[in-house]
PDB file of N, CA and C in Angstrom:
ATOM      1  N   MET A   1      26.183 -19.978  24.501  1.00  0.00           N
ATOM      2  CA  MET A   1      25.011 -20.085  23.669  1.00  0.00           C
ATOM      3  C   MET A   1      24.420 -18.688  23.463  1.00  0.00           C
ATOM      4  N   ILE A   2      23.992 -18.430  22.238  1.00  0.00           N
ATOM      5  CA  ILE A   2      23.403 -17.139  21.904  1.00  0.00           C
ATOM      6  C   ILE A   2      21.885 -17.266  21.948  1.00  0.00           C
ATOM      7  N   ALA A   3      21.250 -16.338  22.646  1.00  0.00           N
ATOM      8  CA  ALA A   3      19.790 -16.347  22.749  1.00  0.00           C
ATOM      9  C   ALA A   3      19.172 -15.852  21.441  1.00  0.00           C
ATOM     10  N   CYS A   4      18.049 -16.420  21.098  1.00  0.00           N
ATOM     11  CA  CYS A   4      17.321 -15.979  19.908  1.00  0.00           C
ATOM     12  C   CYS A   4      16.683 -14.628  20.196  1.00  0.00           C
ATOM     13  N   ARG A   5      16.883 -13.698  19.303  1.00  0.00           N
ATOM     14  CA  ARG A   5      16.287 -12.380  19.467  1.00  0.00           C
ATOM     15  C   ARG A   5      14.995 -12.338  18.664  1.00  0.00           C
ATOM     16  N   GLN A   6      13.936 -11.963  19.317  1.00  0.00           N
ATOM     17  CA  GLN A   6      12.627 -11.902  18.672  1.00  0.00           C
ATOM     18  C   GLN A   6      12.528 -10.606  17.872  1.00  0.00           C
ATOM     19  N   GLU A   7      12.100 -10.703  16.625  1.00  0.00           N
ATOM     20  CA  GLU A   7      11.931  -9.536  15.767  1.00  0.00           C
ATOM     21  C   GLU A   7      10.618  -8.841  16.122  1.00  0.00           C
ATOM     22  N   SER A   8      10.679  -7.530  16.320  1.00  0.00           N
ATOM     23  CA  SER A   8       9.452  -6.788  16.621  1.00  0.00           C
ATOM     24  C   SER A   8       8.576  -6.722  15.369  1.00  0.00           C
ATOM     25  N   LEU A   9       7.310  -6.458  15.562  1.00  0.00           N
ATOM     26  CA  LEU A   9       6.381  -6.355  14.441  1.00  0.00           C
ATOM     27  C   LEU A   9       6.765  -5.192  13.525  1.00  0.00           C
ATOM     28  N   VAL A  10       7.224  -4.106  14.106  1.00  0.00           N
ATOM     29  CA  VAL A  10       7.663  -2.944  13.328  1.00  0.00           C
ATOM     30  C   VAL A  10       8.871  -3.310  12.471  1.00  0.00           C
ATOM     31  N   ASP A  11       9.837  -4.006  13.060  1.00  0.00           N
ATOM     32  CA  ASP A  11      11.017  -4.437  12.300  1.00  0.00           C
ATOM     33  C   ASP A  11      10.626  -5.440  11.217  1.00  0.00           C
ATOM     34  N   ARG A  12       9.702  -6.319  11.538  1.00  0.00           N
ATOM     35  CA  ARG A  12       9.225  -7.300  10.559  1.00  0.00           C
ATOM     36  C   ARG A  12       8.566  -6.602   9.372  1.00  0.00           C
ATOM     37  N   ALA A  13       7.732  -5.600   9.641  1.00  0.00           N
ATOM     38  CA  ALA A  13       7.056  -4.866   8.571  1.00  0.00           C
ATOM     39  C   ALA A  13       8.074  -4.179   7.659  1.00  0.00           C
ATOM     40  N   ALA A  14       9.078  -3.563   8.246  1.00  0.00           N
ATOM     41  CA  ALA A  14      10.116  -2.896   7.456  1.00  0.00           C
ATOM     42  C   ALA A  14      10.877  -3.909   6.603  1.00  0.00           C
ATOM     43  N   ARG A  15      11.214  -5.035   7.198  1.00  0.00           N
ATOM     44  CA  ARG A  15      11.938  -6.081   6.467  1.00  0.00           C
ATOM     45  C   ARG A  15      11.095  -6.636   5.334  1.00  0.00           C
ATOM     46  N   GLU A  16       9.830  -6.929   5.607  1.00  0.00           N
ATOM     47  CA  GLU A  16       8.956  -7.502   4.585  1.00  0.00           C
ATOM     48  C   GLU A  16       8.712  -6.529   3.438  1.00  0.00           C
ATOM     49  N   ALA A  17       8.560  -5.250   3.739  1.00  0.00           N
ATOM     50  CA  ALA A  17       8.377  -4.257   2.678  1.00  0.00           C
ATOM     51  C   ALA A  17       9.613  -4.206   1.787  1.00  0.00           C
ATOM     52  N   LYS A  18      10.770  -4.206   2.402  1.00  0.00           N
ATOM     53  CA  LYS A  18      12.035  -4.167   1.648  1.00  0.00           C
ATOM     54  C   LYS A  18      12.192  -5.430   0.804  1.00  0.00           C
ATOM     55  N   GLU A  19      11.932  -6.578   1.391  1.00  0.00           N
ATOM     56  CA  GLU A  19      12.061  -7.841   0.665  1.00  0.00           C
ATOM     57  C   GLU A  19      11.069  -7.927  -0.494  1.00  0.00           C
ATOM     58  N   TYR A  20       9.844  -7.478  -0.276  1.00  0.00           N
ATOM     59  CA  TYR A  20       8.841  -7.506  -1.341  1.00  0.00           C
ATOM     60  C   TYR A  20       9.314  -6.643  -2.508  1.00  0.00           C
ATOM     61  N   THR A  21       9.803  -5.464  -2.207  1.00  0.00           N
ATOM     62  CA  THR A  21      10.282  -4.554  -3.248  1.00  0.00           C
ATOM     63  C   THR A  21      11.428  -5.185  -4.021  1.00  0.00           C
ATOM     64  N   GLU A  22      12.381  -5.776  -3.312  1.00  0.00           N
ATOM     65  CA  GLU A  22      13.542  -6.381  -3.974  1.00  0.00           C
ATOM     66  C   GLU A  22      13.157  -7.575  -4.843  1.00  0.00           C
ATOM     67  N   ARG A  23      12.200  -8.382  -4.399  1.00  0.00           N
ATOM     68  CA  ARG A  23      11.827  -9.602  -5.118  1.00  0.00           C
ATOM     69  C   ARG A  23      10.792  -9.370  -6.215  1.00  0.00           C
ATOM     70  N   MET A  24       9.834  -8.479  -5.959  1.00  0.00           N
ATOM     71  CA  MET A  24       8.648  -8.419  -6.817  1.00  0.00           C
ATOM     72  C   MET A  24       8.497  -7.142  -7.657  1.00  0.00           C
ATOM     73  N   CYS A  25       9.189  -6.093  -7.301  1.00  0.00           N
ATOM     74  CA  CYS A  25       8.925  -4.808  -7.949  1.00  0.00           C
ATOM     75  C   CYS A  25       9.942  -4.476  -9.019  1.00  0.00           C
ATOM     76  N   PRO A  26       9.505  -3.807 -10.066  1.00  0.00           N
ATOM     77  CA  PRO A  26       8.115  -3.463 -10.316  1.00  0.00           C
ATOM     78  C   PRO A  26       7.306  -4.717 -10.671  1.00  0.00           C
ATOM     79  N   THR A  27       6.065  -4.720 -10.247  1.00  0.00           N
ATOM     80  CA  THR A  27       5.191  -5.859 -10.515  1.00  0.00           C
ATOM     81  C   THR A  27       4.690  -5.786 -11.956  1.00  0.00           C
ATOM     82  N   PRO A  28       4.196  -6.905 -12.464  1.00  0.00           N
ATOM     83  CA  PRO A  28       3.544  -6.834 -13.776  1.00  0.00           C
ATOM     84  C   PRO A  28       2.321  -5.913 -13.690  1.00  0.00           C
ATOM     85  N   VAL A  29       1.982  -5.308 -14.806  1.00  0.00           N
ATOM     86  CA  VAL A  29       0.835  -4.402 -14.855  1.00  0.00           C
ATOM     87  C   VAL A  29      -0.445  -5.219 -14.735  1.00  0.00           C
ATOM     88  N   TYR A  30      -1.314  -4.774 -13.835  1.00  0.00           N
ATOM     89  CA  TYR A  30      -2.619  -5.401 -13.634  1.00  0.00           C
ATOM     90  C   TYR A  30      -3.644  -4.284 -13.497  1.00  0.00           C
ATOM     91  N   ASN A  31      -4.682  -4.322 -14.303  1.00  0.00           N
ATOM     92  CA  ASN A  31      -5.704  -3.267 -14.301  1.00  0.00           C
ATOM     93  C   ASN A  31      -5.075  -1.886 -14.457  1.00  0.00           C
ATOM     94  N   GLU A  32      -4.113  -1.793 -15.364  1.00  0.00           N
ATOM     95  CA  GLU A  32      -3.440  -0.527 -15.693  1.00  0.00           C
ATOM     96  C   GLU A  32      -2.679   0.069 -14.509  1.00  0.00           C
ATOM     97  N   THR A  33      -2.289  -0.796 -13.572  1.00  0.00           N
ATOM     98  CA  THR A  33      -1.560  -0.360 -12.375  1.00  0.00           C
ATOM     99  C   THR A  33      -0.351  -1.257 -12.160  1.00  0.00           C
ATOM    100  N   ARG A  34       0.736  -0.653 -11.728  1.00  0.00           N
ATOM    101  CA  ARG A  34       1.956  -1.392 -11.419  1.00  0.00           C
ATOM    102  C   ARG A  34       2.431  -0.931 -10.035  1.00  0.00           C
ATOM    103  N   THR A  35       2.837  -1.875  -9.201  1.00  0.00           N
ATOM    104  CA  THR A  35       3.435  -1.521  -7.916  1.00  0.00           C
ATOM    105  C   THR A  35       4.934  -1.372  -8.143  1.00  0.00           C
ATOM    106  N   ASP A  36       5.446  -0.184  -7.853  1.00  0.00           N
ATOM    107  CA  ASP A  36       6.854   0.113  -8.068  1.00  0.00           C
ATOM    108  C   ASP A  36       7.712  -0.217  -6.853  1.00  0.00           C
ATOM    109  N   SER A  37       7.141  -0.055  -5.665  1.00  0.00           N
ATOM    110  CA  SER A  37       7.865  -0.386  -4.434  1.00  0.00           C
ATOM    111  C   SER A  37       6.888  -0.359  -3.267  1.00  0.00           C
ATOM    112  N   VAL A  38       7.350  -0.920  -2.160  1.00  0.00           N
ATOM    113  CA  VAL A  38       6.606  -0.892  -0.905  1.00  0.00           C
ATOM    114  C   VAL A  38       7.585  -0.431   0.162  1.00  0.00           C
ATOM    115  N   THR A  39       7.148   0.491   0.994  1.00  0.00           N
ATOM    116  CA  THR A  39       8.002   0.972   2.077  1.00  0.00           C
ATOM    117  C   THR A  39       7.229   0.911   3.389  1.00  0.00           C
ATOM    118  N   PHE A  40       7.981   0.955   4.472  1.00  0.00           N
ATOM    119  CA  PHE A  40       7.354   1.015   5.789  1.00  0.00           C
ATOM    120  C   PHE A  40       8.043   2.084   6.607  1.00  0.00           C
ATOM    121  N   ASP A  41       7.261   3.017   7.124  1.00  0.00           N
ATOM    122  CA  ASP A  41       7.756   4.090   7.969  1.00  0.00           C
ATOM    123  C   ASP A  41       7.556   3.661   9.422  1.00  0.00           C
ATOM    124  N   LYS A  42       8.666   3.357  10.095  1.00  0.00           N
ATOM    125  CA  LYS A  42       8.595   2.871  11.482  1.00  0.00           C
ATOM    126  C   LYS A  42       8.023   3.914  12.431  1.00  0.00           C
ATOM    127  N   LEU A  43       8.377   5.165  12.238  1.00  0.00           N
ATOM    128  CA  LEU A  43       7.920   6.224  13.135  1.00  0.00           C
ATOM    129  C   LEU A  43       6.403   6.385  13.076  1.00  0.00           C
ATOM    130  N   ASN A  44       5.860   6.418  11.864  1.00  0.00           N
ATOM    131  CA  ASN A  44       4.418   6.604  11.693  1.00  0.00           C
ATOM    132  C   ASN A  44       3.652   5.293  11.572  1.00  0.00           C
ATOM    133  N   ARG A  45       4.388   4.185  11.577  1.00  0.00           N
ATOM    134  CA  ARG A  45       3.784   2.850  11.455  1.00  0.00           C
ATOM    135  C   ARG A  45       2.849   2.779  10.243  1.00  0.00           C
ATOM    136  N   THR A  46       3.424   3.202   9.100  1.00  0.00           N
ATOM    137  CA  THR A  46       2.646   3.265   7.861  1.00  0.00           C
ATOM    138  C   THR A  46       3.311   2.438   6.770  1.00  0.00           C
ATOM    139  N   TYR A  47       2.530   1.521   6.233  1.00  0.00           N
ATOM    140  CA  TYR A  47       2.919   0.671   5.110  1.00  0.00           C
ATOM    141  C   TYR A  47       2.478   1.411   3.853  1.00  0.00           C
ATOM    142  N   THR A  48       3.406   1.747   2.953  1.00  0.00           N
ATOM    143  CA  THR A  48       3.067   2.541   1.774  1.00  0.00           C
ATOM    144  C   THR A  48       3.335   1.758   0.497  1.00  0.00           C
ATOM    145  N   TYR A  49       2.311   1.738  -0.349  1.00  0.00           N
ATOM    146  CA  TYR A  49       2.416   1.128  -1.674  1.00  0.00           C
ATOM    147  C   TYR A  49       2.627   2.262  -2.671  1.00  0.00           C
ATOM    148  N   HIS A  50       3.765   2.232  -3.361  1.00  0.00           N
ATOM    149  CA  HIS A  50       4.090   3.229  -4.380  1.00  0.00           C
ATOM    150  C   HIS A  50       3.771   2.594  -5.727  1.00  0.00           C
ATOM    151  N   CYS A  51       2.797   3.172  -6.427  1.00  0.00           N
ATOM    152  CA  CYS A  51       2.303   2.573  -7.667  1.00  0.00           C
ATOM    153  C   CYS A  51       2.378   3.571  -8.813  1.00  0.00           C
ATOM    154  N   SER A  52       2.230   3.038 -10.021  1.00  0.00           N
ATOM    155  CA  SER A  52       2.101   3.864 -11.217  1.00  0.00           C
ATOM    156  C   SER A  52       0.827   3.475 -11.942  1.00  0.00           C
ATOM    157  N   PHE A  53       0.149   4.477 -12.472  1.00  0.00           N
ATOM    158  CA  PHE A  53      -1.012   4.257 -13.330  1.00  0.00           C
ATOM    159  C   PHE A  53      -0.547   4.375 -14.778  1.00  0.00           C
ATOM    160  N   LEU A  54      -1.026   3.471 -15.605  1.00  0.00           N
ATOM    161  CA  LEU A  54      -0.649   3.451 -17.010  1.00  0.00           C
ATOM    162  C   LEU A  54      -1.879   3.572 -17.898  1.00  0.00           C
ATOM    163  N   ASN A  55      -1.621   3.844 -19.177  1.00  0.00           N
ATOM    164  CA  ASN A  55      -2.641   3.886 -20.216  1.00  0.00           C
ATOM    165  C   ASN A  55      -3.797   4.799 -19.833  1.00  0.00           C
ATOM    166  N   TYR A  56      -5.033   4.314 -19.879  1.00  0.00           N
ATOM    167  CA  TYR A  56      -6.184   5.191 -19.642  1.00  0.00           C
ATOM    168  C   TYR A  56      -6.255   5.709 -18.198  1.00  0.00           C
ATOM    169  N   LEU A  57      -5.621   5.025 -17.241  1.00  0.00           N
ATOM    170  CA  LEU A  57      -5.616   5.532 -15.856  1.00  0.00           C
ATOM    171  C   LEU A  57      -4.575   6.627 -15.640  1.00  0.00           C
ATOM    172  N   ASP A  58      -3.670   6.766 -16.586  1.00  0.00           N
ATOM    173  CA  ASP A  58      -2.615   7.779 -16.483  1.00  0.00           C
ATOM    174  C   ASP A  58      -3.167   9.129 -16.947  1.00  0.00           C
ATOM    175  N   ASP A  59      -4.210   9.560 -16.239  1.00  0.00           N
ATOM    176  CA  ASP A  59      -4.935  10.771 -16.619  1.00  0.00           C
ATOM    177  C   ASP A  59      -5.629  11.311 -15.365  1.00  0.00           C
ATOM    178  N   SER A  60      -5.303  12.525 -14.980  1.00  0.00           N
ATOM    179  CA  SER A  60      -5.859  13.089 -13.746  1.00  0.00           C
ATOM    180  C   SER A  60      -7.376  13.206 -13.793  1.00  0.00           C
ATOM    181  N   ALA A  61      -7.947  13.518 -14.962  1.00  0.00           N
ATOM    182  CA  ALA A  61      -9.411  13.619 -15.069  1.00  0.00           C
ATOM    183  C   ALA A  61     -10.059  12.257 -14.890  1.00  0.00           C
ATOM    184  N   ALA A  62      -9.451  11.227 -15.444  1.00  0.00           N
ATOM    185  CA  ALA A  62      -9.994   9.870 -15.294  1.00  0.00           C
ATOM    186  C   ALA A  62      -9.969   9.450 -13.831  1.00  0.00           C
ATOM    187  N   ILE A  63      -8.884   9.742 -13.142  1.00  0.00           N
ATOM    188  CA  ILE A  63      -8.771   9.376 -11.729  1.00  0.00           C
ATOM    189  C   ILE A  63      -9.768  10.169 -10.892  1.00  0.00           C
ATOM    190  N   ALA A  64      -9.927  11.439 -11.186  1.00  0.00           N
ATOM    191  CA  ALA A  64     -10.894  12.260 -10.443  1.00  0.00           C
ATOM    192  C   ALA A  64     -12.302  11.686 -10.562  1.00  0.00           C
ATOM    193  N   SER A  65     -12.624  11.140 -11.714  1.00  0.00           N
ATOM    194  CA  SER A  65     -13.978  10.626 -11.929  1.00  0.00           C
ATOM    195  C   SER A  65     -14.239   9.296 -11.219  1.00  0.00           C
ATOM    196  N   ILE A  66     -13.168   8.592 -10.839  1.00  0.00           N
ATOM    197  CA  ILE A  66     -13.342   7.294 -10.165  1.00  0.00           C
ATOM    198  C   ILE A  66     -12.735   7.278  -8.767  1.00  0.00           C
ATOM    199  N   LYS A  67     -12.401   8.430  -8.248  1.00  0.00           N
ATOM    200  CA  LYS A  67     -11.707   8.526  -6.955  1.00  0.00           C
ATOM    201  C   LYS A  67     -12.463   7.803  -5.830  1.00  0.00           C
ATOM    202  N   ASP A  68     -13.758   8.026  -5.715  1.00  0.00           N
ATOM    203  CA  ASP A  68     -14.537   7.381  -4.651  1.00  0.00           C
ATOM    204  C   ASP A  68     -14.579   5.871  -4.824  1.00  0.00           C
ATOM    205  N   LYS A  69     -14.745   5.425  -6.050  1.00  0.00           N
ATOM    206  CA  LYS A  69     -14.764   3.986  -6.339  1.00  0.00           C
ATOM    207  C   LYS A  69     -13.405   3.357  -6.028  1.00  0.00           C
ATOM    208  N   LEU A  70     -12.345   4.035  -6.399  1.00  0.00           N
ATOM    209  CA  LEU A  70     -10.994   3.553  -6.122  1.00  0.00           C
ATOM    210  C   LEU A  70     -10.760   3.441  -4.618  1.00  0.00           C
ATOM    211  N   HIS A  71     -11.183   4.460  -3.882  1.00  0.00           N
ATOM    212  CA  HIS A  71     -11.059   4.440  -2.416  1.00  0.00           C
ATOM    213  C   HIS A  71     -11.771   3.215  -1.845  1.00  0.00           C
ATOM    214  N   GLN A  72     -12.994   2.962  -2.280  1.00  0.00           N
ATOM    215  CA  GLN A  72     -13.775   1.836  -1.770  1.00  0.00           C
ATOM    216  C   GLN A  72     -13.129   0.501  -2.127  1.00  0.00           C
ATOM    217  N   GLN A  73     -12.619   0.372  -3.346  1.00  0.00           N
ATOM    218  CA  GLN A  73     -11.977  -0.874  -3.767  1.00  0.00           C
ATOM    219  C   GLN A  73     -10.717  -1.157  -2.957  1.00  0.00           C
ATOM    220  N   LEU A  74      -9.926  -0.125  -2.704  1.00  0.00           N
ATOM    221  CA  LEU A  74      -8.713  -0.307  -1.906  1.00  0.00           C
ATOM    222  C   LEU A  74      -9.060  -0.666  -0.464  1.00  0.00           C
ATOM    223  N   LEU A  75     -10.076  -0.013   0.091  1.00  0.00           N
ATOM    224  CA  LEU A  75     -10.522  -0.322   1.445  1.00  0.00           C
ATOM    225  C   LEU A  75     -10.975  -1.783   1.533  1.00  0.00           C
ATOM    226  N   GLU A  76     -11.770  -2.230   0.580  1.00  0.00           N
ATOM    227  CA  GLU A  76     -12.235  -3.619   0.572  1.00  0.00           C
ATOM    228  C   GLU A  76     -11.076  -4.599   0.440  1.00  0.00           C
ATOM    229  N   ALA A  77     -10.081  -4.261  -0.380  1.00  0.00           N
ATOM    230  CA  ALA A  77      -8.910  -5.129  -0.526  1.00  0.00           C
ATOM    231  C   ALA A  77      -8.153  -5.249   0.800  1.00  0.00           C
ATOM    232  N   LEU A  78      -8.035  -4.149   1.521  1.00  0.00           N
ATOM    233  CA  LEU A  78      -7.362  -4.181   2.820  1.00  0.00           C
ATOM    234  C   LEU A  78      -8.166  -4.990   3.836  1.00  0.00           C
ATOM    235  N   ILE A  79      -9.475  -4.843   3.819  1.00  0.00           N
ATOM    236  CA  ILE A  79     -10.335  -5.594   4.737  1.00  0.00           C
ATOM    237  C   ILE A  79     -10.178  -7.093   4.502  1.00  0.00           C
ATOM    238  N   GLU A  80     -10.153  -7.489   3.240  1.00  0.00           N
ATOM    239  CA  GLU A  80     -10.113  -8.906   2.887  1.00  0.00           C
ATOM    240  C   GLU A  80      -8.716  -9.521   2.973  1.00  0.00           C
ATOM    241  N   ASN A  81      -7.683  -8.714   3.064  1.00  0.00           N
ATOM    242  CA  ASN A  81      -6.309  -9.217   3.067  1.00  0.00           C
ATOM    243  C   ASN A  81      -5.947  -9.789   4.436  1.00  0.00           C
ATOM    244  N   THR A  82      -5.995 -11.110   4.547  1.00  0.00           N
ATOM    245  CA  THR A  82      -5.663 -11.764   5.818  1.00  0.00           C
ATOM    246  C   THR A  82      -4.160 -11.764   6.096  1.00  0.00           C
ATOM    247  N   GLY A  83      -3.353 -11.544   5.075  1.00  0.00           N
ATOM    248  CA  GLY A  83      -1.905 -11.531   5.243  1.00  0.00           C
ATOM    249  C   GLY A  83      -1.384 -10.349   6.041  1.00  0.00           C
ATOM    250  N   ILE A  84      -2.212  -9.330   6.218  1.00  0.00           N
ATOM    251  CA  ILE A  84      -1.791  -8.150   6.978  1.00  0.00           C
ATOM    252  C   ILE A  84      -2.563  -8.011   8.288  1.00  0.00           C
ATOM    253  N   LYS A  85      -3.200  -9.072   8.726  1.00  0.00           N
ATOM    254  CA  LYS A  85      -4.009  -9.035   9.942  1.00  0.00           C
ATOM    255  C   LYS A  85      -3.212  -8.532  11.148  1.00  0.00           C
ATOM    256  N   ALA A  86      -2.005  -9.030  11.317  1.00  0.00           N
ATOM    257  CA  ALA A  86      -1.184  -8.613  12.459  1.00  0.00           C
ATOM    258  C   ALA A  86      -0.916  -7.113  12.410  1.00  0.00           C
ATOM    259  N   TYR A  87      -0.725  -6.578  11.216  1.00  0.00           N
ATOM    260  CA  TYR A  87      -0.475  -5.145  11.072  1.00  0.00           C
ATOM    261  C   TYR A  87      -1.736  -4.339  11.371  1.00  0.00           C
ATOM    262  N   LYS A  88      -2.870  -4.816  10.915  1.00  0.00           N
ATOM    263  CA  LYS A  88      -4.132  -4.123  11.211  1.00  0.00           C
ATOM    264  C   LYS A  88      -4.408  -4.167  12.710  1.00  0.00           C
ATOM    265  N   ASP A  89      -4.163  -5.315  13.342  1.00  0.00           N
ATOM    266  CA  ASP A  89      -4.376  -5.450  14.782  1.00  0.00           C
ATOM    267  C   ASP A  89      -3.452  -4.544  15.591  1.00  0.00           C
ATOM    268  N   ALA A  90      -2.286  -4.234  15.017  1.00  0.00           N
ATOM    269  CA  ALA A  90      -1.309  -3.372  15.693  1.00  0.00           C
ATOM    270  C   ALA A  90      -1.502  -1.892  15.334  1.00  0.00           C
ATOM    271  N   ASP A  91      -2.628  -1.587  14.706  1.00  0.00           N
ATOM    272  CA  ASP A  91      -2.973  -0.200  14.355  1.00  0.00           C
ATOM    273  C   ASP A  91      -2.015   0.453  13.361  1.00  0.00           C
ATOM    274  N   PHE A  92      -1.482  -0.325  12.428  1.00  0.00           N
ATOM    275  CA  PHE A  92      -0.678   0.251  11.354  1.00  0.00           C
ATOM    276  C   PHE A  92      -1.620   0.937  10.373  1.00  0.00           C
ATOM    277  N   SER A  93      -1.077   1.894   9.632  1.00  0.00           N
ATOM    278  CA  SER A  93      -1.806   2.555   8.556  1.00  0.00           C
ATOM    279  C   SER A  93      -1.289   2.029   7.218  1.00  0.00           C
ATOM    280  N   PHE A  94      -2.123   2.172   6.198  1.00  0.00           N
ATOM    281  CA  PHE A  94      -1.779   1.710   4.855  1.00  0.00           C
ATOM    282  C   PHE A  94      -2.030   2.860   3.893  1.00  0.00           C
ATOM    283  N   GLU A  95      -1.000   3.194   3.144  1.00  0.00           N
ATOM    284  CA  GLU A  95      -1.065   4.344   2.252  1.00  0.00           C
ATOM    285  C   GLU A  95      -0.808   3.892   0.814  1.00  0.00           C
ATOM    286  N   TYR A  96      -1.485   4.556  -0.110  1.00  0.00           N
ATOM    287  CA  TYR A  96      -1.275   4.335  -1.537  1.00  0.00           C
ATOM    288  C   TYR A  96      -0.886   5.663  -2.163  1.00  0.00           C
ATOM    289  N   ILE A  97       0.233   5.663  -2.857  1.00  0.00           N
ATOM    290  CA  ILE A  97       0.668   6.825  -3.617  1.00  0.00           C
ATOM    291  C   ILE A  97       0.813   6.355  -5.054  1.00  0.00           C
ATOM    292  N   CYS A  98      -0.064   6.872  -5.917  1.00  0.00           N
ATOM    293  CA  CYS A  98      -0.100   6.429  -7.314  1.00  0.00           C
ATOM    294  C   CYS A  98       0.301   7.584  -8.215  1.00  0.00           C
ATOM    295  N   ARG A  99       1.333   7.337  -8.993  1.00  0.00           N
ATOM    296  CA  ARG A  99       1.889   8.365  -9.865  1.00  0.00           C
ATOM    297  C   ARG A  99       1.594   8.063 -11.330  1.00  0.00           C
ATOM    298  N   SER A 100       1.779   9.056 -12.136  1.00  0.00           N
ATOM    299  CA  SER A 100       1.672   8.910 -13.580  1.00  0.00           C
ATOM    300  C   SER A 100       2.887   8.147 -14.087  1.00  0.00           C
ATOM    301  N   ALA A 101       2.660   7.147 -14.949  1.00  0.00           N
ATOM    302  CA  ALA A 101       3.787   6.430 -15.555  1.00  0.00           C
ATOM    303  C   ALA A 101       4.516   7.334 -16.549  1.00  0.00           C
ATOM    304  N   LYS A 102       3.771   8.217 -17.200  1.00  0.00           N
ATOM    305  CA  LYS A 102       4.373   9.143 -18.175  1.00  0.00           C
ATOM    306  C   LYS A 102       5.152  10.263 -17.494  1.00  0.00           C
ATOM    307  N   ASN A 103       4.673  10.685 -16.334  1.00  0.00           N
ATOM    308  CA  ASN A 103       5.294  11.785 -15.603  1.00  0.00           C
ATOM    309  C   ASN A 103       5.379  11.390 -14.123  1.00  0.00           C
ATOM    310  N   PRO A 104       6.405  10.630 -13.746  1.00  0.00           N
ATOM    311  CA  PRO A 104       6.488  10.087 -12.384  1.00  0.00           C
ATOM    312  C   PRO A 104       6.468  11.100 -11.244  1.00  0.00           C
ATOM    313  N   LYS A 105       6.713  12.364 -11.537  1.00  0.00           N
ATOM    314  CA  LYS A 105       6.634  13.384 -10.485  1.00  0.00           C
ATOM    315  C   LYS A 105       5.194  13.748 -10.155  1.00  0.00           C
ATOM    316  N   GLN A 106       4.261  13.405 -11.050  1.00  0.00           N
ATOM    317  CA  GLN A 106       2.859  13.750 -10.862  1.00  0.00           C
ATOM    318  C   GLN A 106       2.142  12.662 -10.064  1.00  0.00           C
ATOM    319  N   ILE A 107       1.611  13.048  -8.912  1.00  0.00           N
ATOM    320  CA  ILE A 107       0.807  12.136  -8.105  1.00  0.00           C
ATOM    321  C   ILE A 107      -0.633  12.254  -8.577  1.00  0.00           C
ATOM    322  N   LEU A 108      -1.173  11.132  -9.045  1.00  0.00           N
ATOM    323  CA  LEU A 108      -2.551  11.108  -9.541  1.00  0.00           C
ATOM    324  C   LEU A 108      -3.544  10.742  -8.445  1.00  0.00           C
ATOM    325  N   TYR A 109      -3.081   9.977  -7.471  1.00  0.00           N
ATOM    326  CA  TYR A 109      -4.001   9.527  -6.417  1.00  0.00           C
ATOM    327  C   TYR A 109      -3.177   9.228  -5.169  1.00  0.00           C
ATOM    328  N   LYS A 110      -3.681   9.687  -4.038  1.00  0.00           N
ATOM    329  CA  LYS A 110      -3.035   9.409  -2.754  1.00  0.00           C
ATOM    330  C   LYS A 110      -4.129   9.194  -1.737  1.00  0.00           C
ATOM    331  N   ASP A 111      -3.986   8.133  -0.957  1.00  0.00           N
ATOM    332  CA  ASP A 111      -5.009   7.799   0.036  1.00  0.00           C
ATOM    333  C   ASP A 111      -4.333   7.081   1.194  1.00  0.00           C
ATOM    334  N   ILE A 112      -4.852   7.281   2.375  1.00  0.00           N
ATOM    335  CA  ILE A 112      -4.327   6.590   3.549  1.00  0.00           C
ATOM    336  C   ILE A 112      -5.496   6.003   4.326  1.00  0.00           C
ATOM    337  N   PHE A 113      -5.280   4.792   4.814  1.00  0.00           N
ATOM    338  CA  PHE A 113      -6.298   4.068   5.573  1.00  0.00           C
ATOM    339  C   PHE A 113      -5.722   3.731   6.941  1.00  0.00           C
ATOM    340  N   LYS A 114      -6.391   4.176   7.972  1.00  0.00           N
ATOM    341  CA  LYS A 114      -5.998   3.850   9.346  1.00  0.00           C
ATOM    342  C   LYS A 114      -6.583   2.488   9.703  1.00  0.00           C
ATOM    343  N   ALA A 115      -5.914   1.754  10.555  1.00  0.00           N
ATOM    344  CA  ALA A 115      -6.368   0.417  10.937  1.00  0.00           C
ATOM    345  C   ALA A 115      -7.773   0.448  11.526  1.00  0.00           C
ATOM    346  N   LYS A 116      -8.055   1.446  12.340  1.00  0.00           N
ATOM    347  CA  LYS A 116      -9.403   1.537  12.936  1.00  0.00           C
ATOM    348  C   LYS A 116     -10.470   1.669  11.864  1.00  0.00           C
ATOM    349  N   GLN A 117     -10.176   2.418  10.816  1.00  0.00           N
ATOM    350  CA  GLN A 117     -11.102   2.584   9.700  1.00  0.00           C
ATOM    351  C   GLN A 117     -11.295   1.251   8.963  1.00  0.00           C
ATOM    352  N   ILE A 118     -10.221   0.521   8.761  1.00  0.00           N
ATOM    353  CA  ILE A 118     -10.298  -0.781   8.071  1.00  0.00           C
ATOM    354  C   ILE A 118     -11.068  -1.785   8.912  1.00  0.00           C
ATOM    355  N   ASN A 119     -10.708  -1.870  10.178  1.00  0.00           N
ATOM    356  CA  ASN A 119     -11.359  -2.844  11.062  1.00  0.00           C
ATOM    357  C   ASN A 119     -12.837  -2.517  11.262  1.00  0.00           C
ATOM    358  N   LYS A 120     -13.189  -1.244  11.384  1.00  0.00           N
ATOM    359  CA  LYS A 120     -14.576  -0.842  11.550  1.00  0.00           C
ATOM    360  C   LYS A 120     -15.387  -1.181  10.299  1.00  0.00           C
ATOM    361  N   ALA A 121     -14.826  -0.915   9.124  1.00  0.00           N
ATOM    362  CA  ALA A 121     -15.520  -1.193   7.870  1.00  0.00           C
ATOM    363  C   ALA A 121     -15.684  -2.688   7.648  1.00  0.00           C
ATOM    364  N   GLY A 122     -14.759  -3.475   8.187  1.00  0.00           N
ATOM    365  CA  GLY A 122     -14.799  -4.923   7.999  1.00  0.00           C
ATOM    366  C   GLY A 122     -15.781  -5.628   8.907  1.00  0.00           C
ATOM    367  N   ASN A 123     -16.310  -4.946   9.903  1.00  0.00           N
ATOM    368  CA  ASN A 123     -17.253  -5.571  10.850  1.00  0.00           C
ATOM    369  C   ASN A 123     -18.683  -5.348  10.450  1.00  0.00           C
TER     370      ASN A 123
END
C-alpha cells in the first residue's frame, strides 16, 4: 500500500498559480486591466500577479496620478479575499507587476504586500 503524501502549502501555492495561469490567463479585460499570468516564488514565498494595463490606464502619467488609490484598492482586495486566507496566515507576500499592453517591457506599476501588512490593515 502506498501512503498518501500531503502537499505542502508552498507546493500547493505553486501548483495553484500554475493551474490558474493555464486555465484562466489571459483573463478578460476588467477595468482596463488583464491578468496575464500568476506565479509563485517558493524561495521568497511570494504570489505574483502579472497584469497588463490597457486603454486609458496604459499611460505612466495616469498611473502616477492614481498610484495611492490603486495601492489602497489592491490592499482592500487582498484583505477581503477569503480564498487566500491560508497563504496570508502562512506569511506569504502578494505582488502585482502591471505592464503596458502597448509596450510589455514597460512596467507601469509594481507593488508588494506582506502578509503582516494585510492582516494588520484588516483588523
